[in-house]
Amino acid sequence: MARLGLVSALLLAAACAGIDTSRPLDSDTGDRPVRIEARATPLGPVGATLAEGVTYAGGLTLRGPELHGLSDLKVVDDTAWTVSDFGTLIRMRLVTDPADRLSGIAGATLRPLIDPDGAVLSPKPRADAEGIAILDDGSVLVSFERDHRIWNYGRGATARPVPVSHPAVIFPDNGGMEGLASAGNDGWLVLGEESGGWVCRGAGCAALPAYPAIGADGFRVTGADRDPSGGWFIVERSFSPPLDMRARVRRLSEDGTLGPVLITLRPPASVDNMEGIAAVATAKGTRLYLLSDDNDNPLQRTLLLAFDLAR
């Protein structure tokens, strides 16, 4: 009963939050405005462990009738790009307050992902998007699981997709290519949820030589993004709802060596099924954004959290 009361309180608070209904960014390519409520969300006094030089930079709980199953995140020029388990691409502009803390979103739009023939992707398994990467030339890659593949949607994701290289391994049905990020020089990083790390290019994929076998402690890789200073950041989650939801962030070097944990989240801190991560260079270091997948479950939340890493 206490849990139901908490959910009711959250729903009531969300109903009072600000609502964004801005116009689409690009109506010529199928974008349409979507209704998203953004409510300021504290990290919480306990449950979060931040390494030296890491600070919380604000967070939001996002709600909307079409804002479910968000699986990855990238940020370019203050615009967040995310894909969902239901075959959609959502973009929204991130808003900060005078102290440069994440305070809201604006201009939210949605478009359905299409197949190489231009048809809207049908529901799972074909539409289950899990990763998004934006390459140096602006090309947008999307990885899918169940029917495991990576498609290139072109600059700005406005073109019919074409298949690109992905690791020639057999992934579990619901544990595919969760981590997807730019690797520079027209390459892209691919991380399997349960194992395996590769850098892929047009000619194929090469395994990261030092990438370890991970997951023995219950954590699985769910997202990656390029570290502006070299290598990548990854987010891992351990998810046993409704009481045990954990996440952690660390660096991954160019050869696949994992660094120490920078961020650990566990209840009662603000944490859910964390699946997306984005890294942006700032004047003082790097800003990291973490995004959760609510699994289209009313007892879960879509969280967007920001953290600053000092140089």
C-alpha atoms as a PDB file:
ATOM      1  CA  MET A   1       0.000   0.000   0.000  1.00  0.00           C
ATOM      2  CA  ALA A   2       2.879   2.377   0.757  1.00  0.00           C
ATOM      3  CA  ARG A   3       4.229   1.774  -2.740  1.00  0.00           C
ATOM      4  CA  LEU A   4       0.844   2.578  -4.281  1.00  0.00           C
ATOM      5  CA  GLY A   5       0.655   5.750  -2.245  1.00  0.00           C
ATOM      6  CA  LEU A   6       4.063   6.812  -3.468  1.00  0.00           C
ATOM      7  CA  VAL A   7       3.065   6.171  -7.076  1.00  0.00           C
ATOM      8  CA  SER A   8      -0.115   8.228  -6.622  1.00  0.00           C
ATOM      9  CA  ALA A   9       1.913  11.089  -5.186  1.00  0.00           C
ATOM     10  CA  LEU A  10       4.323  10.960  -8.098  1.00  0.00           C
ATOM     11  CA  LEU A  11       1.469  11.019 -10.592  1.00  0.00           C
ATOM     12  CA  LEU A  12      -0.117  13.995  -8.856  1.00  0.00           C
ATOM     13  CA  ALA A  13       3.186  15.873  -8.809  1.00  0.00           C
ATOM     14  CA  ALA A  14       3.733  15.141 -12.490  1.00  0.00           C
ATOM     15  CA  ALA A  15       0.293  16.485 -13.301  1.00  0.00           C
ATOM     16  CA  CYS A  16       1.373  19.798 -11.825  1.00  0.00           C
ATOM     17  CA  ALA A  17       4.683  19.918 -13.726  1.00  0.00           C
ATOM     18  CA  GLY A  18       5.446  22.137 -16.688  1.00  0.00           C
ATOM     19  CA  ILE A  19       4.345  20.768 -20.062  1.00  0.00           C
ATOM     20  CA  ASP A  20       6.256  21.252 -23.313  1.00  0.00           C
ATOM     21  CA  THR A  21       4.267  21.227 -26.560  1.00  0.00           C
ATOM     22  CA  SER A  22       6.688  23.003 -28.874  1.00  0.00           C
ATOM     23  CA  ARG A  23       6.544  22.850 -32.639  1.00  0.00           C
ATOM     24  CA  PRO A  24       8.461  20.138 -34.519  1.00  0.00           C
ATOM     25  CA  LEU A  25      12.099  20.621 -35.422  1.00  0.00           C
ATOM     26  CA  ASP A  26      11.753  19.385 -38.989  1.00  0.00           C
ATOM     27  CA  SER A  27       8.237  18.657 -40.269  1.00  0.00           C
ATOM     28  CA  ASP A  28       9.548  17.617 -43.694  1.00  0.00           C
ATOM     29  CA  THR A  29      11.052  14.422 -42.328  1.00  0.00           C
ATOM     30  CA  GLY A  30       8.175  13.155 -40.232  1.00  0.00           C
ATOM     31  CA  ASP A  31       8.899  14.836 -36.908  1.00  0.00           C
ATOM     32  CA  ARG A  32       5.882  15.845 -34.874  1.00  0.00           C
ATOM     33  CA  PRO A  33       5.627  17.550 -31.498  1.00  0.00           C
ATOM     34  CA  VAL A  34       5.119  15.375 -28.452  1.00  0.00           C
ATOM     35  CA  ARG A  35       3.828  16.276 -25.017  1.00  0.00           C
ATOM     36  CA  ILE A  36       6.408  15.828 -22.270  1.00  0.00           C
ATOM     37  CA  GLU A  37       6.193  16.855 -18.621  1.00  0.00           C
ATOM     38  CA  ALA A  38       9.511  17.594 -16.926  1.00  0.00           C
ATOM     39  CA  ARG A  39       9.711  17.725 -13.144  1.00  0.00           C
ATOM     40  CA  ALA A  40      12.852  18.650 -11.203  1.00  0.00           C
ATOM     41  CA  THR A  41      14.226  15.617  -9.376  1.00  0.00           C
ATOM     42  CA  PRO A  42      16.837  15.665  -6.599  1.00  0.00           C
ATOM     43  CA  LEU A  43      19.508  12.989  -6.448  1.00  0.00           C
ATOM     44  CA  GLY A  44      18.631  12.254  -2.841  1.00  0.00           C
ATOM     45  CA  PRO A  45      20.645  12.507   0.391  1.00  0.00           C
ATOM     46  CA  VAL A  46      21.779   8.856   0.382  1.00  0.00           C
ATOM     47  CA  GLY A  47      22.232   6.043  -2.123  1.00  0.00           C
ATOM     48  CA  ALA A  48      24.588   7.823  -4.526  1.00  0.00           C
ATOM     49  CA  THR A  49      28.372   7.532  -4.418  1.00  0.00           C
ATOM     50  CA  LEU A  50      30.290  10.066  -6.524  1.00  0.00           C
ATOM     51  CA  ALA A  51      34.039   9.920  -7.094  1.00  0.00           C
ATOM     52  CA  GLU A  52      36.202  12.933  -6.304  1.00  0.00           C
ATOM     53  CA  GLY A  53      35.557  15.686  -8.846  1.00  0.00           C
ATOM     54  CA  VAL A  54      32.047  14.448  -9.750  1.00  0.00           C
ATOM     55  CA  THR A  55      29.024  16.591  -8.801  1.00  0.00           C
ATOM     56  CA  TYR A  56      25.302  16.327  -9.435  1.00  0.00           C
ATOM     57  CA  ALA A  57      24.131  18.925 -11.973  1.00  0.00           C
ATOM     58  CA  GLY A  58      20.361  18.541 -11.796  1.00  0.00           C
ATOM     59  CA  GLY A  59      17.844  15.981 -12.913  1.00  0.00           C
ATOM     60  CA  LEU A  60      14.352  15.550 -14.320  1.00  0.00           C
ATOM     61  CA  THR A  61      11.556  13.030 -14.221  1.00  0.00           C
ATOM     62  CA  LEU A  62      10.017  12.950 -17.697  1.00  0.00           C
ATOM     63  CA  ARG A  63       6.471  11.840 -18.414  1.00  0.00           C
ATOM     64  CA  GLY A  64       4.409  11.670 -21.591  1.00  0.00           C
ATOM     65  CA  PRO A  65       1.984   9.311 -23.339  1.00  0.00           C
ATOM     66  CA  GLU A  66       4.642   8.363 -25.914  1.00  0.00           C
ATOM     67  CA  LEU A  67       7.692   8.596 -23.674  1.00  0.00           C
ATOM     68  CA  HIS A  68       8.262   4.963 -22.779  1.00  0.00           C
ATOM     69  CA  GLY A  69      11.006   2.413 -23.286  1.00  0.00           C
ATOM     70  CA  LEU A  70      13.798   4.932 -23.974  1.00  0.00           C
ATOM     71  CA  SER A  71      16.943   2.898 -24.552  1.00  0.00           C
ATOM     72  CA  ASP A  72      19.895   5.190 -25.248  1.00  0.00           C
ATOM     73  CA  LEU A  73      20.947   8.823 -25.313  1.00  0.00           C
ATOM     74  CA  LYS A  74      23.281  11.161 -27.168  1.00  0.00           C
ATOM     75  CA  VAL A  75      23.541  14.967 -26.837  1.00  0.00           C
ATOM     76  CA  VAL A  76      24.686  17.334 -29.603  1.00  0.00           C
ATOM     77  CA  ASP A  77      24.471  21.142 -29.327  1.00  0.00           C
ATOM     78  CA  ASP A  78      22.100  20.959 -26.324  1.00  0.00           C
ATOM     79  CA  THR A  79      19.754  18.590 -28.176  1.00  0.00           C
ATOM     80  CA  ALA A  80      19.171  15.141 -26.705  1.00  0.00           C
ATOM     81  CA  TRP A  81      18.598  12.253 -29.113  1.00  0.00           C
ATOM     82  CA  THR A  82      17.037   9.030 -27.856  1.00  0.00           C
ATOM     83  CA  VAL A  83      15.535   5.872 -29.335  1.00  0.00           C
ATOM     84  CA  SER A  84      12.948   3.535 -27.873  1.00  0.00           C
ATOM     85  CA  ASP A  85      11.971  -0.116 -27.660  1.00  0.00           C
ATOM     86  CA  PHE A  86       8.966   0.809 -29.797  1.00  0.00           C
ATOM     87  CA  GLY A  87      10.882   2.027 -32.841  1.00  0.00           C
ATOM     88  CA  THR A  88      10.789   5.781 -32.296  1.00  0.00           C
ATOM     89  CA  LEU A  89      13.396   8.551 -32.396  1.00  0.00           C
ATOM     90  CA  ILE A  90      12.760  11.378 -29.929  1.00  0.00           C
ATOM     91  CA  ARG A  91      14.657  14.670 -29.774  1.00  0.00           C
ATOM     92  CA  MET A  92      14.402  17.410 -27.170  1.00  0.00           C
ATOM     93  CA  ARG A  93      16.372  20.530 -26.312  1.00  0.00           C
ATOM     94  CA  LEU A  94      17.939  20.566 -22.857  1.00  0.00           C
ATOM     95  CA  VAL A  95      17.320  23.678 -20.756  1.00  0.00           C
ATOM     96  CA  THR A  96      19.583  24.845 -17.944  1.00  0.00           C
ATOM     97  CA  ASP A  97      19.104  27.418 -15.184  1.00  0.00           C
ATOM     98  CA  PRO A  98      21.406  30.397 -14.443  1.00  0.00           C
ATOM     99  CA  ALA A  99      23.682  28.060 -12.461  1.00  0.00           C
ATOM    100  CA  ASP A 100      23.972  25.800 -15.546  1.00  0.00           C
ATOM    101  CA  ARG A 101      22.050  22.971 -13.900  1.00  0.00           C
ATOM    102  CA  LEU A 102      19.649  20.849 -15.933  1.00  0.00           C
ATOM    103  CA  SER A 103      16.213  22.376 -15.340  1.00  0.00           C
ATOM    104  CA  GLY A 104      13.880  21.430 -18.195  1.00  0.00           C
ATOM    105  CA  ILE A 105      13.335  20.421 -21.812  1.00  0.00           C
ATOM    106  CA  ALA A 106      11.811  22.139 -24.843  1.00  0.00           C
ATOM    107  CA  GLY A 107      11.027  21.449 -28.485  1.00  0.00           C
ATOM    108  CA  ALA A 108      10.330  17.741 -28.021  1.00  0.00           C
ATOM    109  CA  THR A 109       9.603  15.853 -31.257  1.00  0.00           C
ATOM    110  CA  LEU A 110       9.100  12.254 -32.282  1.00  0.00           C
ATOM    111  CA  ARG A 111       9.424  10.360 -35.531  1.00  0.00           C
ATOM    112  CA  PRO A 112       8.991   6.652 -36.245  1.00  0.00           C
ATOM    113  CA  LEU A 113      12.049   4.748 -37.371  1.00  0.00           C
ATOM    114  CA  ILE A 114      11.746   3.341 -40.876  1.00  0.00           C
ATOM    115  CA  ASP A 115      13.224   0.362 -42.727  1.00  0.00           C
ATOM    116  CA  PRO A 116      15.319   0.480 -45.934  1.00  0.00           C
ATOM    117  CA  ASP A 117      12.121   0.481 -48.004  1.00  0.00           C
ATOM    118  CA  GLY A 118      10.814   3.564 -46.204  1.00  0.00           C
ATOM    119  CA  ALA A 119       8.124   1.687 -44.257  1.00  0.00           C
ATOM    120  CA  VAL A 120       7.565   2.403 -40.570  1.00  0.00           C
ATOM    121  CA  LEU A 121       9.008  -0.385 -38.453  1.00  0.00           C
ATOM    122  CA  SER A 122       6.444  -2.765 -37.034  1.00  0.00           C
ATOM    123  CA  PRO A 123       6.398  -3.571 -33.309  1.00  0.00           C
ATOM    124  CA  LYS A 124       8.910  -5.906 -31.724  1.00  0.00           C
ATOM    125  CA  PRO A 125      11.038  -7.703 -32.729  1.00  0.00           C
ATOM    126  CA  ARG A 126      11.907  -5.467 -35.695  1.00  0.00           C
ATOM    127  CA  ALA A 127      11.415  -2.147 -33.885  1.00  0.00           C
ATOM    128  CA  ASP A 128      13.379  -2.819 -30.676  1.00  0.00           C
ATOM    129  CA  ALA A 129      16.013  -0.049 -30.884  1.00  0.00           C
ATOM    130  CA  GLU A 130      18.658  -0.232 -28.145  1.00  0.00           C
ATOM    131  CA  GLY A 131      21.543   2.053 -29.102  1.00  0.00           C
ATOM    132  CA  ILE A 132      22.166   5.316 -30.933  1.00  0.00           C
ATOM    133  CA  ALA A 133      25.455   6.852 -32.081  1.00  0.00           C
ATOM    134  CA  ILE A 134      26.146  10.100 -33.906  1.00  0.00           C
ATOM    135  CA  LEU A 135      29.349   9.930 -35.948  1.00  0.00           C
ATOM    136  CA  ASP A 136      31.718  12.798 -36.715  1.00  0.00           C
ATOM    137  CA  ASP A 137      30.039  13.411 -40.082  1.00  0.00           C
ATOM    138  CA  GLY A 138      26.588  13.655 -38.475  1.00  0.00           C
ATOM    139  CA  SER A 139      25.444  10.183 -39.521  1.00  0.00           C
ATOM    140  CA  VAL A 140      23.054   8.569 -37.043  1.00  0.00           C
ATOM    141  CA  LEU A 141      23.472   4.860 -36.321  1.00  0.00           C
ATOM    142  CA  VAL A 142      20.839   2.798 -34.512  1.00  0.00           C
ATOM    143  CA  SER A 143      21.358  -0.706 -33.132  1.00  0.00           C
ATOM    144  CA  PHE A 144      18.482  -3.133 -32.686  1.00  0.00           C
ATOM    145  CA  GLU A 145      18.149  -6.306 -30.648  1.00  0.00           C
ATOM    146  CA  ARG A 146      16.088  -9.476 -31.123  1.00  0.00           C
ATOM    147  CA  ASP A 147      16.632  -8.972 -34.845  1.00  0.00           C
ATOM    148  CA  HIS A 148      20.247  -7.906 -34.269  1.00  0.00           C
ATOM    149  CA  ARG A 149      21.532  -5.280 -36.708  1.00  0.00           C
ATOM    150  CA  ILE A 150      22.911  -1.724 -36.995  1.00  0.00           C
ATOM    151  CA  TRP A 151      21.426   0.717 -39.515  1.00  0.00           C
ATOM    152  CA  ASN A 152      22.810   4.058 -40.665  1.00  0.00           C
ATOM    153  CA  TYR A 153      20.054   6.666 -41.042  1.00  0.00           C
ATOM    154  CA  GLY A 154      22.340   9.279 -42.612  1.00  0.00           C
ATOM    155  CA  ARG A 155      23.061  12.847 -41.521  1.00  0.00           C
ATOM    156  CA  GLY A 156      20.395  14.040 -39.126  1.00  0.00           C
ATOM    157  CA  ALA A 157      18.600  10.672 -39.413  1.00  0.00           C
ATOM    158  CA  THR A 158      16.662  11.898 -42.462  1.00  0.00           C
ATOM    159  CA  ALA A 159      17.530   9.113 -44.917  1.00  0.00           C
ATOM    160  CA  ARG A 160      16.338   5.583 -45.492  1.00  0.00           C
ATOM    161  CA  PRO A 161      18.680   3.378 -43.469  1.00  0.00           C
ATOM    162  CA  VAL A 162      21.420   1.175 -44.858  1.00  0.00           C
ATOM    163  CA  PRO A 163      22.947  -1.758 -42.937  1.00  0.00           C
ATOM    164  CA  VAL A 164      26.473  -1.284 -41.577  1.00  0.00           C
ATOM    165  CA  SER A 165      29.000  -3.583 -39.961  1.00  0.00           C
ATOM    166  CA  HIS A 166      28.254  -5.225 -36.639  1.00  0.00           C
ATOM    167  CA  PRO A 167      30.061  -7.989 -34.724  1.00  0.00           C
ATOM    168  CA  ALA A 168      29.699 -11.430 -36.283  1.00  0.00           C
ATOM    169  CA  VAL A 169      28.594 -13.117 -33.071  1.00  0.00           C
ATOM    170  CA  ILE A 170      25.341 -14.650 -31.859  1.00  0.00           C
ATOM    171  CA  PHE A 171      23.743 -12.341 -29.299  1.00  0.00           C
ATOM    172  CA  PRO A 172      21.018 -13.416 -26.858  1.00  0.00           C
ATOM    173  CA  ASP A 173      17.518 -12.524 -28.013  1.00  0.00           C
ATOM    174  CA  ASN A 174      17.066  -9.790 -25.399  1.00  0.00           C
ATOM    175  CA  GLY A 175      20.731  -8.987 -24.761  1.00  0.00           C
ATOM    176  CA  GLY A 176      22.214  -7.528 -27.906  1.00  0.00           C
ATOM    177  CA  MET A 177      24.207  -4.456 -28.888  1.00  0.00           C
ATOM    178  CA  GLU A 178      23.298  -2.132 -26.016  1.00  0.00           C
ATOM    179  CA  GLY A 179      26.383   0.101 -26.131  1.00  0.00           C
ATOM    180  CA  LEU A 180      26.799   2.136 -29.326  1.00  0.00           C
ATOM    181  CA  ALA A 181      29.016   5.216 -29.697  1.00  0.00           C
ATOM    182  CA  SER A 182      31.269   7.043 -32.100  1.00  0.00           C
ATOM    183  CA  ALA A 183      34.834   5.761 -32.234  1.00  0.00           C
ATOM    184  CA  GLY A 184      36.252   8.558 -34.406  1.00  0.00           C
ATOM    185  CA  ASN A 185      37.698   8.155 -37.907  1.00  0.00           C
ATOM    186  CA  ASP A 186      34.363   6.893 -39.264  1.00  0.00           C
ATOM    187  CA  GLY A 187      34.220   4.098 -36.683  1.00  0.00           C
ATOM    188  CA  TRP A 188      31.755   3.082 -34.008  1.00  0.00           C
ATOM    189  CA  LEU A 189      32.057   1.278 -30.681  1.00  0.00           C
ATOM    190  CA  VAL A 190      29.754  -1.709 -30.076  1.00  0.00           C
ATOM    191  CA  LEU A 191      29.305  -3.283 -26.639  1.00  0.00           C
ATOM    192  CA  GLY A 192      27.198  -6.365 -25.993  1.00  0.00           C
ATOM    193  CA  GLU A 193      24.958  -6.278 -22.956  1.00  0.00           C
ATOM    194  CA  GLU A 194      26.393  -9.503 -21.567  1.00  0.00           C
ATOM    195  CA  SER A 195      29.846  -9.621 -23.149  1.00  0.00           C
ATOM    196  CA  GLY A 196      32.074  -8.368 -25.948  1.00  0.00           C
ATOM    197  CA  GLY A 197      33.480  -5.040 -27.097  1.00  0.00           C
ATOM    198  CA  TRP A 198      34.401  -4.068 -30.666  1.00  0.00           C
ATOM    199  CA  VAL A 199      35.266  -1.091 -32.862  1.00  0.00           C
ATOM    200  CA  CYS A 200      33.572  -1.374 -36.251  1.00  0.00           C
ATOM    201  CA  ARG A 201      34.153   0.331 -39.579  1.00  0.00           C
ATOM    202  CA  GLY A 202      32.976  -0.272 -43.114  1.00  0.00           C
ATOM    203  CA  ALA A 203      35.255  -3.276 -43.576  1.00  0.00           C
ATOM    204  CA  GLY A 204      34.198  -5.042 -40.370  1.00  0.00           C
ATOM    205  CA  CYS A 205      34.711  -5.151 -36.617  1.00  0.00           C
ATOM    206  CA  ALA A 206      37.781  -5.696 -34.447  1.00  0.00           C
ATOM    207  CA  ALA A 207      37.545  -6.811 -30.827  1.00  0.00           C
ATOM    208  CA  LEU A 208      38.960  -4.532 -28.124  1.00  0.00           C
ATOM    209  CA  PRO A 209      42.050  -6.474 -26.983  1.00  0.00           C
ATOM    210  CA  ALA A 210      41.804  -5.654 -23.259  1.00  0.00           C
ATOM    211  CA  TYR A 211      38.006  -5.722 -22.878  1.00  0.00           C
ATOM    212  CA  PRO A 212      37.231  -7.955 -19.886  1.00  0.00           C
ATOM    213  CA  ALA A 213      34.532 -10.525 -19.323  1.00  0.00           C
ATOM    214  CA  ILE A 214      32.107  -8.504 -17.215  1.00  0.00           C
ATOM    215  CA  GLY A 215      28.767  -9.137 -15.559  1.00  0.00           C
ATOM    216  CA  ALA A 216      29.713 -11.660 -12.857  1.00  0.00           C
ATOM    217  CA  ASP A 217      28.520  -9.201 -10.182  1.00  0.00           C
ATOM    218  CA  GLY A 218      25.105  -8.789 -11.797  1.00  0.00           C
ATOM    219  CA  PHE A 219      25.859  -5.587 -13.712  1.00  0.00           C
ATOM    220  CA  ARG A 220      25.348  -5.459 -17.490  1.00  0.00           C
ATOM    221  CA  VAL A 221      26.454  -2.822 -20.007  1.00  0.00           C
ATOM    222  CA  THR A 222      23.533  -0.738 -21.255  1.00  0.00           C
ATOM    223  CA  GLY A 223      25.078   2.335 -22.857  1.00  0.00           C
ATOM    224  CA  ALA A 224      28.258   4.081 -24.011  1.00  0.00           C
ATOM    225  CA  ASP A 225      29.406   7.428 -25.359  1.00  0.00           C
ATOM    226  CA  ARG A 226      32.661   8.946 -26.536  1.00  0.00           C
ATOM    227  CA  ASP A 227      34.776  10.598 -23.834  1.00  0.00           C
ATOM    228  CA  PRO A 228      35.788  14.031 -25.202  1.00  0.00           C
ATOM    229  CA  SER A 229      39.288  13.412 -23.801  1.00  0.00           C
ATOM    230  CA  GLY A 230      39.641   9.958 -25.418  1.00  0.00           C
ATOM    231  CA  GLY A 231      38.123   6.534 -24.927  1.00  0.00           C
ATOM    232  CA  TRP A 232      34.517   6.226 -23.775  1.00  0.00           C
ATOM    233  CA  PHE A 233      32.190   6.357 -20.799  1.00  0.00           C
ATOM    234  CA  ILE A 234      29.932   3.370 -20.138  1.00  0.00           C
ATOM    235  CA  VAL A 235      26.884   2.876 -17.956  1.00  0.00           C
ATOM    236  CA  GLU A 236      26.074  -0.489 -16.406  1.00  0.00           C
ATOM    237  CA  ARG A 237      22.934  -1.501 -14.565  1.00  0.00           C
ATOM    238  CA  SER A 238      21.819  -4.200 -12.166  1.00  0.00           C
ATOM    239  CA  PHE A 239      18.051  -4.406 -12.301  1.00  0.00           C
ATOM    240  CA  SER A 240      15.885  -6.590 -10.065  1.00  0.00           C
ATOM    241  CA  PRO A 241      12.624  -4.657  -9.651  1.00  0.00           C
ATOM    242  CA  PRO A 242      10.891  -3.418  -7.652  1.00  0.00           C
ATOM    243  CA  LEU A 243      13.411  -2.923  -4.836  1.00  0.00           C
ATOM    244  CA  ASP A 244      16.905  -3.390  -6.297  1.00  0.00           C
ATOM    245  CA  MET A 245      17.797  -1.011  -9.145  1.00  0.00           C
ATOM    246  CA  ARG A 246      21.449   0.024  -9.397  1.00  0.00           C
ATOM    247  CA  ALA A 247      23.664   1.770 -11.927  1.00  0.00           C
ATOM    248  CA  ARG A 248      27.304   2.736 -12.230  1.00  0.00           C
ATOM    249  CA  VAL A 249      29.469   4.730 -14.637  1.00  0.00           C
ATOM    250  CA  ARG A 250      33.128   4.310 -15.514  1.00  0.00           C
ATOM    251  CA  ARG A 251      35.590   4.995 -18.288  1.00  0.00           C
ATOM    252  CA  LEU A 252      36.617   2.576 -21.017  1.00  0.00           C
ATOM    253  CA  SER A 253      40.009   3.092 -22.645  1.00  0.00           C
ATOM    254  CA  GLU A 254      40.784   2.772 -26.350  1.00  0.00           C
ATOM    255  CA  ASP A 255      42.089  -0.782 -25.857  1.00  0.00           C
ATOM    256  CA  GLY A 256      39.120  -1.870 -23.739  1.00  0.00           C
ATOM    257  CA  THR A 257      40.530  -1.420 -20.231  1.00  0.00           C
ATOM    258  CA  LEU A 258      37.868  -0.460 -17.691  1.00  0.00           C
ATOM    259  CA  GLY A 259      38.582   2.355 -15.235  1.00  0.00           C
ATOM    260  CA  PRO A 260      37.387   2.842 -11.651  1.00  0.00           C
ATOM    261  CA  VAL A 261      33.754   3.557 -10.894  1.00  0.00           C
ATOM    262  CA  LEU A 262      32.910   7.262 -11.096  1.00  0.00           C
ATOM    263  CA  ILE A 263      29.207   7.176 -10.213  1.00  0.00           C
ATOM    264  CA  THR A 264      27.182   4.570  -8.313  1.00  0.00           C
ATOM    265  CA  LEU A 265      23.422   4.901  -7.863  1.00  0.00           C
ATOM    266  CA  ARG A 266      21.233   2.695  -5.696  1.00  0.00           C
ATOM    267  CA  PRO A 267      17.944   3.182  -3.819  1.00  0.00           C
ATOM    268  CA  PRO A 268      16.858   5.403  -2.194  1.00  0.00           C
ATOM    269  CA  ALA A 269      18.755   7.743  -4.538  1.00  0.00           C
ATOM    270  CA  SER A 270      17.061   8.666  -7.822  1.00  0.00           C
ATOM    271  CA  VAL A 271      17.739   5.599  -9.963  1.00  0.00           C
ATOM    272  CA  ASP A 272      15.777   3.326 -12.255  1.00  0.00           C
ATOM    273  CA  ASN A 273      16.539   1.069 -15.210  1.00  0.00           C
ATOM    274  CA  MET A 274      19.448   3.193 -16.488  1.00  0.00           C
ATOM    275  CA  GLU A 275      20.147   2.485 -20.173  1.00  0.00           C
ATOM    276  CA  GLY A 276      21.418   5.676 -21.814  1.00  0.00           C
ATOM    277  CA  ILE A 277      24.517   7.823 -21.389  1.00  0.00           C
ATOM    278  CA  ALA A 278      25.788  10.944 -23.144  1.00  0.00           C
ATOM    279  CA  ALA A 279      29.037  12.882 -22.631  1.00  0.00           C
ATOM    280  CA  VAL A 280      29.521  16.549 -23.570  1.00  0.00           C
ATOM    281  CA  ALA A 281      32.693  18.634 -23.227  1.00  0.00           C
ATOM    282  CA  THR A 282      32.312  21.758 -21.058  1.00  0.00           C
ATOM    283  CA  ALA A 283      34.558  24.635 -20.090  1.00  0.00           C
ATOM    284  CA  LYS A 284      35.302  22.928 -16.774  1.00  0.00           C
ATOM    285  CA  GLY A 285      35.462  19.289 -17.875  1.00  0.00           C
ATOM    286  CA  THR A 286      32.701  16.921 -19.007  1.00  0.00           C
ATOM    287  CA  ARG A 287      28.965  16.766 -18.411  1.00  0.00           C
ATOM    288  CA  LEU A 288      27.437  13.301 -18.303  1.00  0.00           C
ATOM    289  CA  TYR A 289      23.738  12.616 -18.803  1.00  0.00           C
ATOM    290  CA  LEU A 290      22.083   9.367 -17.716  1.00  0.00           C
ATOM    291  CA  LEU A 291      18.671   8.214 -18.970  1.00  0.00           C
ATOM    292  CA  SER A 292      16.410   5.432 -17.698  1.00  0.00           C
ATOM    293  CA  ASP A 293      14.023   3.098 -19.532  1.00  0.00           C
ATOM    294  CA  ASP A 294      10.688   2.820 -17.711  1.00  0.00           C
ATOM    295  CA  ASN A 295       9.768  -0.435 -19.512  1.00  0.00           C
ATOM    296  CA  ASP A 296       6.319   1.097 -20.114  1.00  0.00           C
ATOM    297  CA  ASN A 297       5.642   0.274 -16.464  1.00  0.00           C
ATOM    298  CA  PRO A 298       3.651   2.793 -14.355  1.00  0.00           C
ATOM    299  CA  LEU A 299       5.707   1.851 -11.287  1.00  0.00           C
ATOM    300  CA  GLN A 300       8.930   3.020 -12.973  1.00  0.00           C
ATOM    301  CA  ARG A 301      10.220   6.423 -14.078  1.00  0.00           C
ATOM    302  CA  THR A 302      11.977   7.987 -17.045  1.00  0.00           C
ATOM    303  CA  LEU A 303      14.853   9.814 -15.349  1.00  0.00           C
ATOM    304  CA  LEU A 304      17.274  12.226 -17.022  1.00  0.00           C
ATOM    305  CA  LEU A 305      20.158  13.020 -14.655  1.00  0.00           C
ATOM    306  CA  ALA A 306      23.184  15.270 -15.180  1.00  0.00           C
ATOM    307  CA  PHE A 307      26.624  15.050 -13.572  1.00  0.00           C
ATOM    308  CA  ASP A 308      29.707  17.229 -13.994  1.00  0.00           C
ATOM    309  CA  LEU A 309      33.208  15.752 -14.044  1.00  0.00           C
ATOM    310  CA  ALA A 310      35.991  18.232 -13.320  1.00  0.00           C
ATOM    311  CA  ARG A 311      39.184  18.082 -15.353  1.00  0.00           C
END
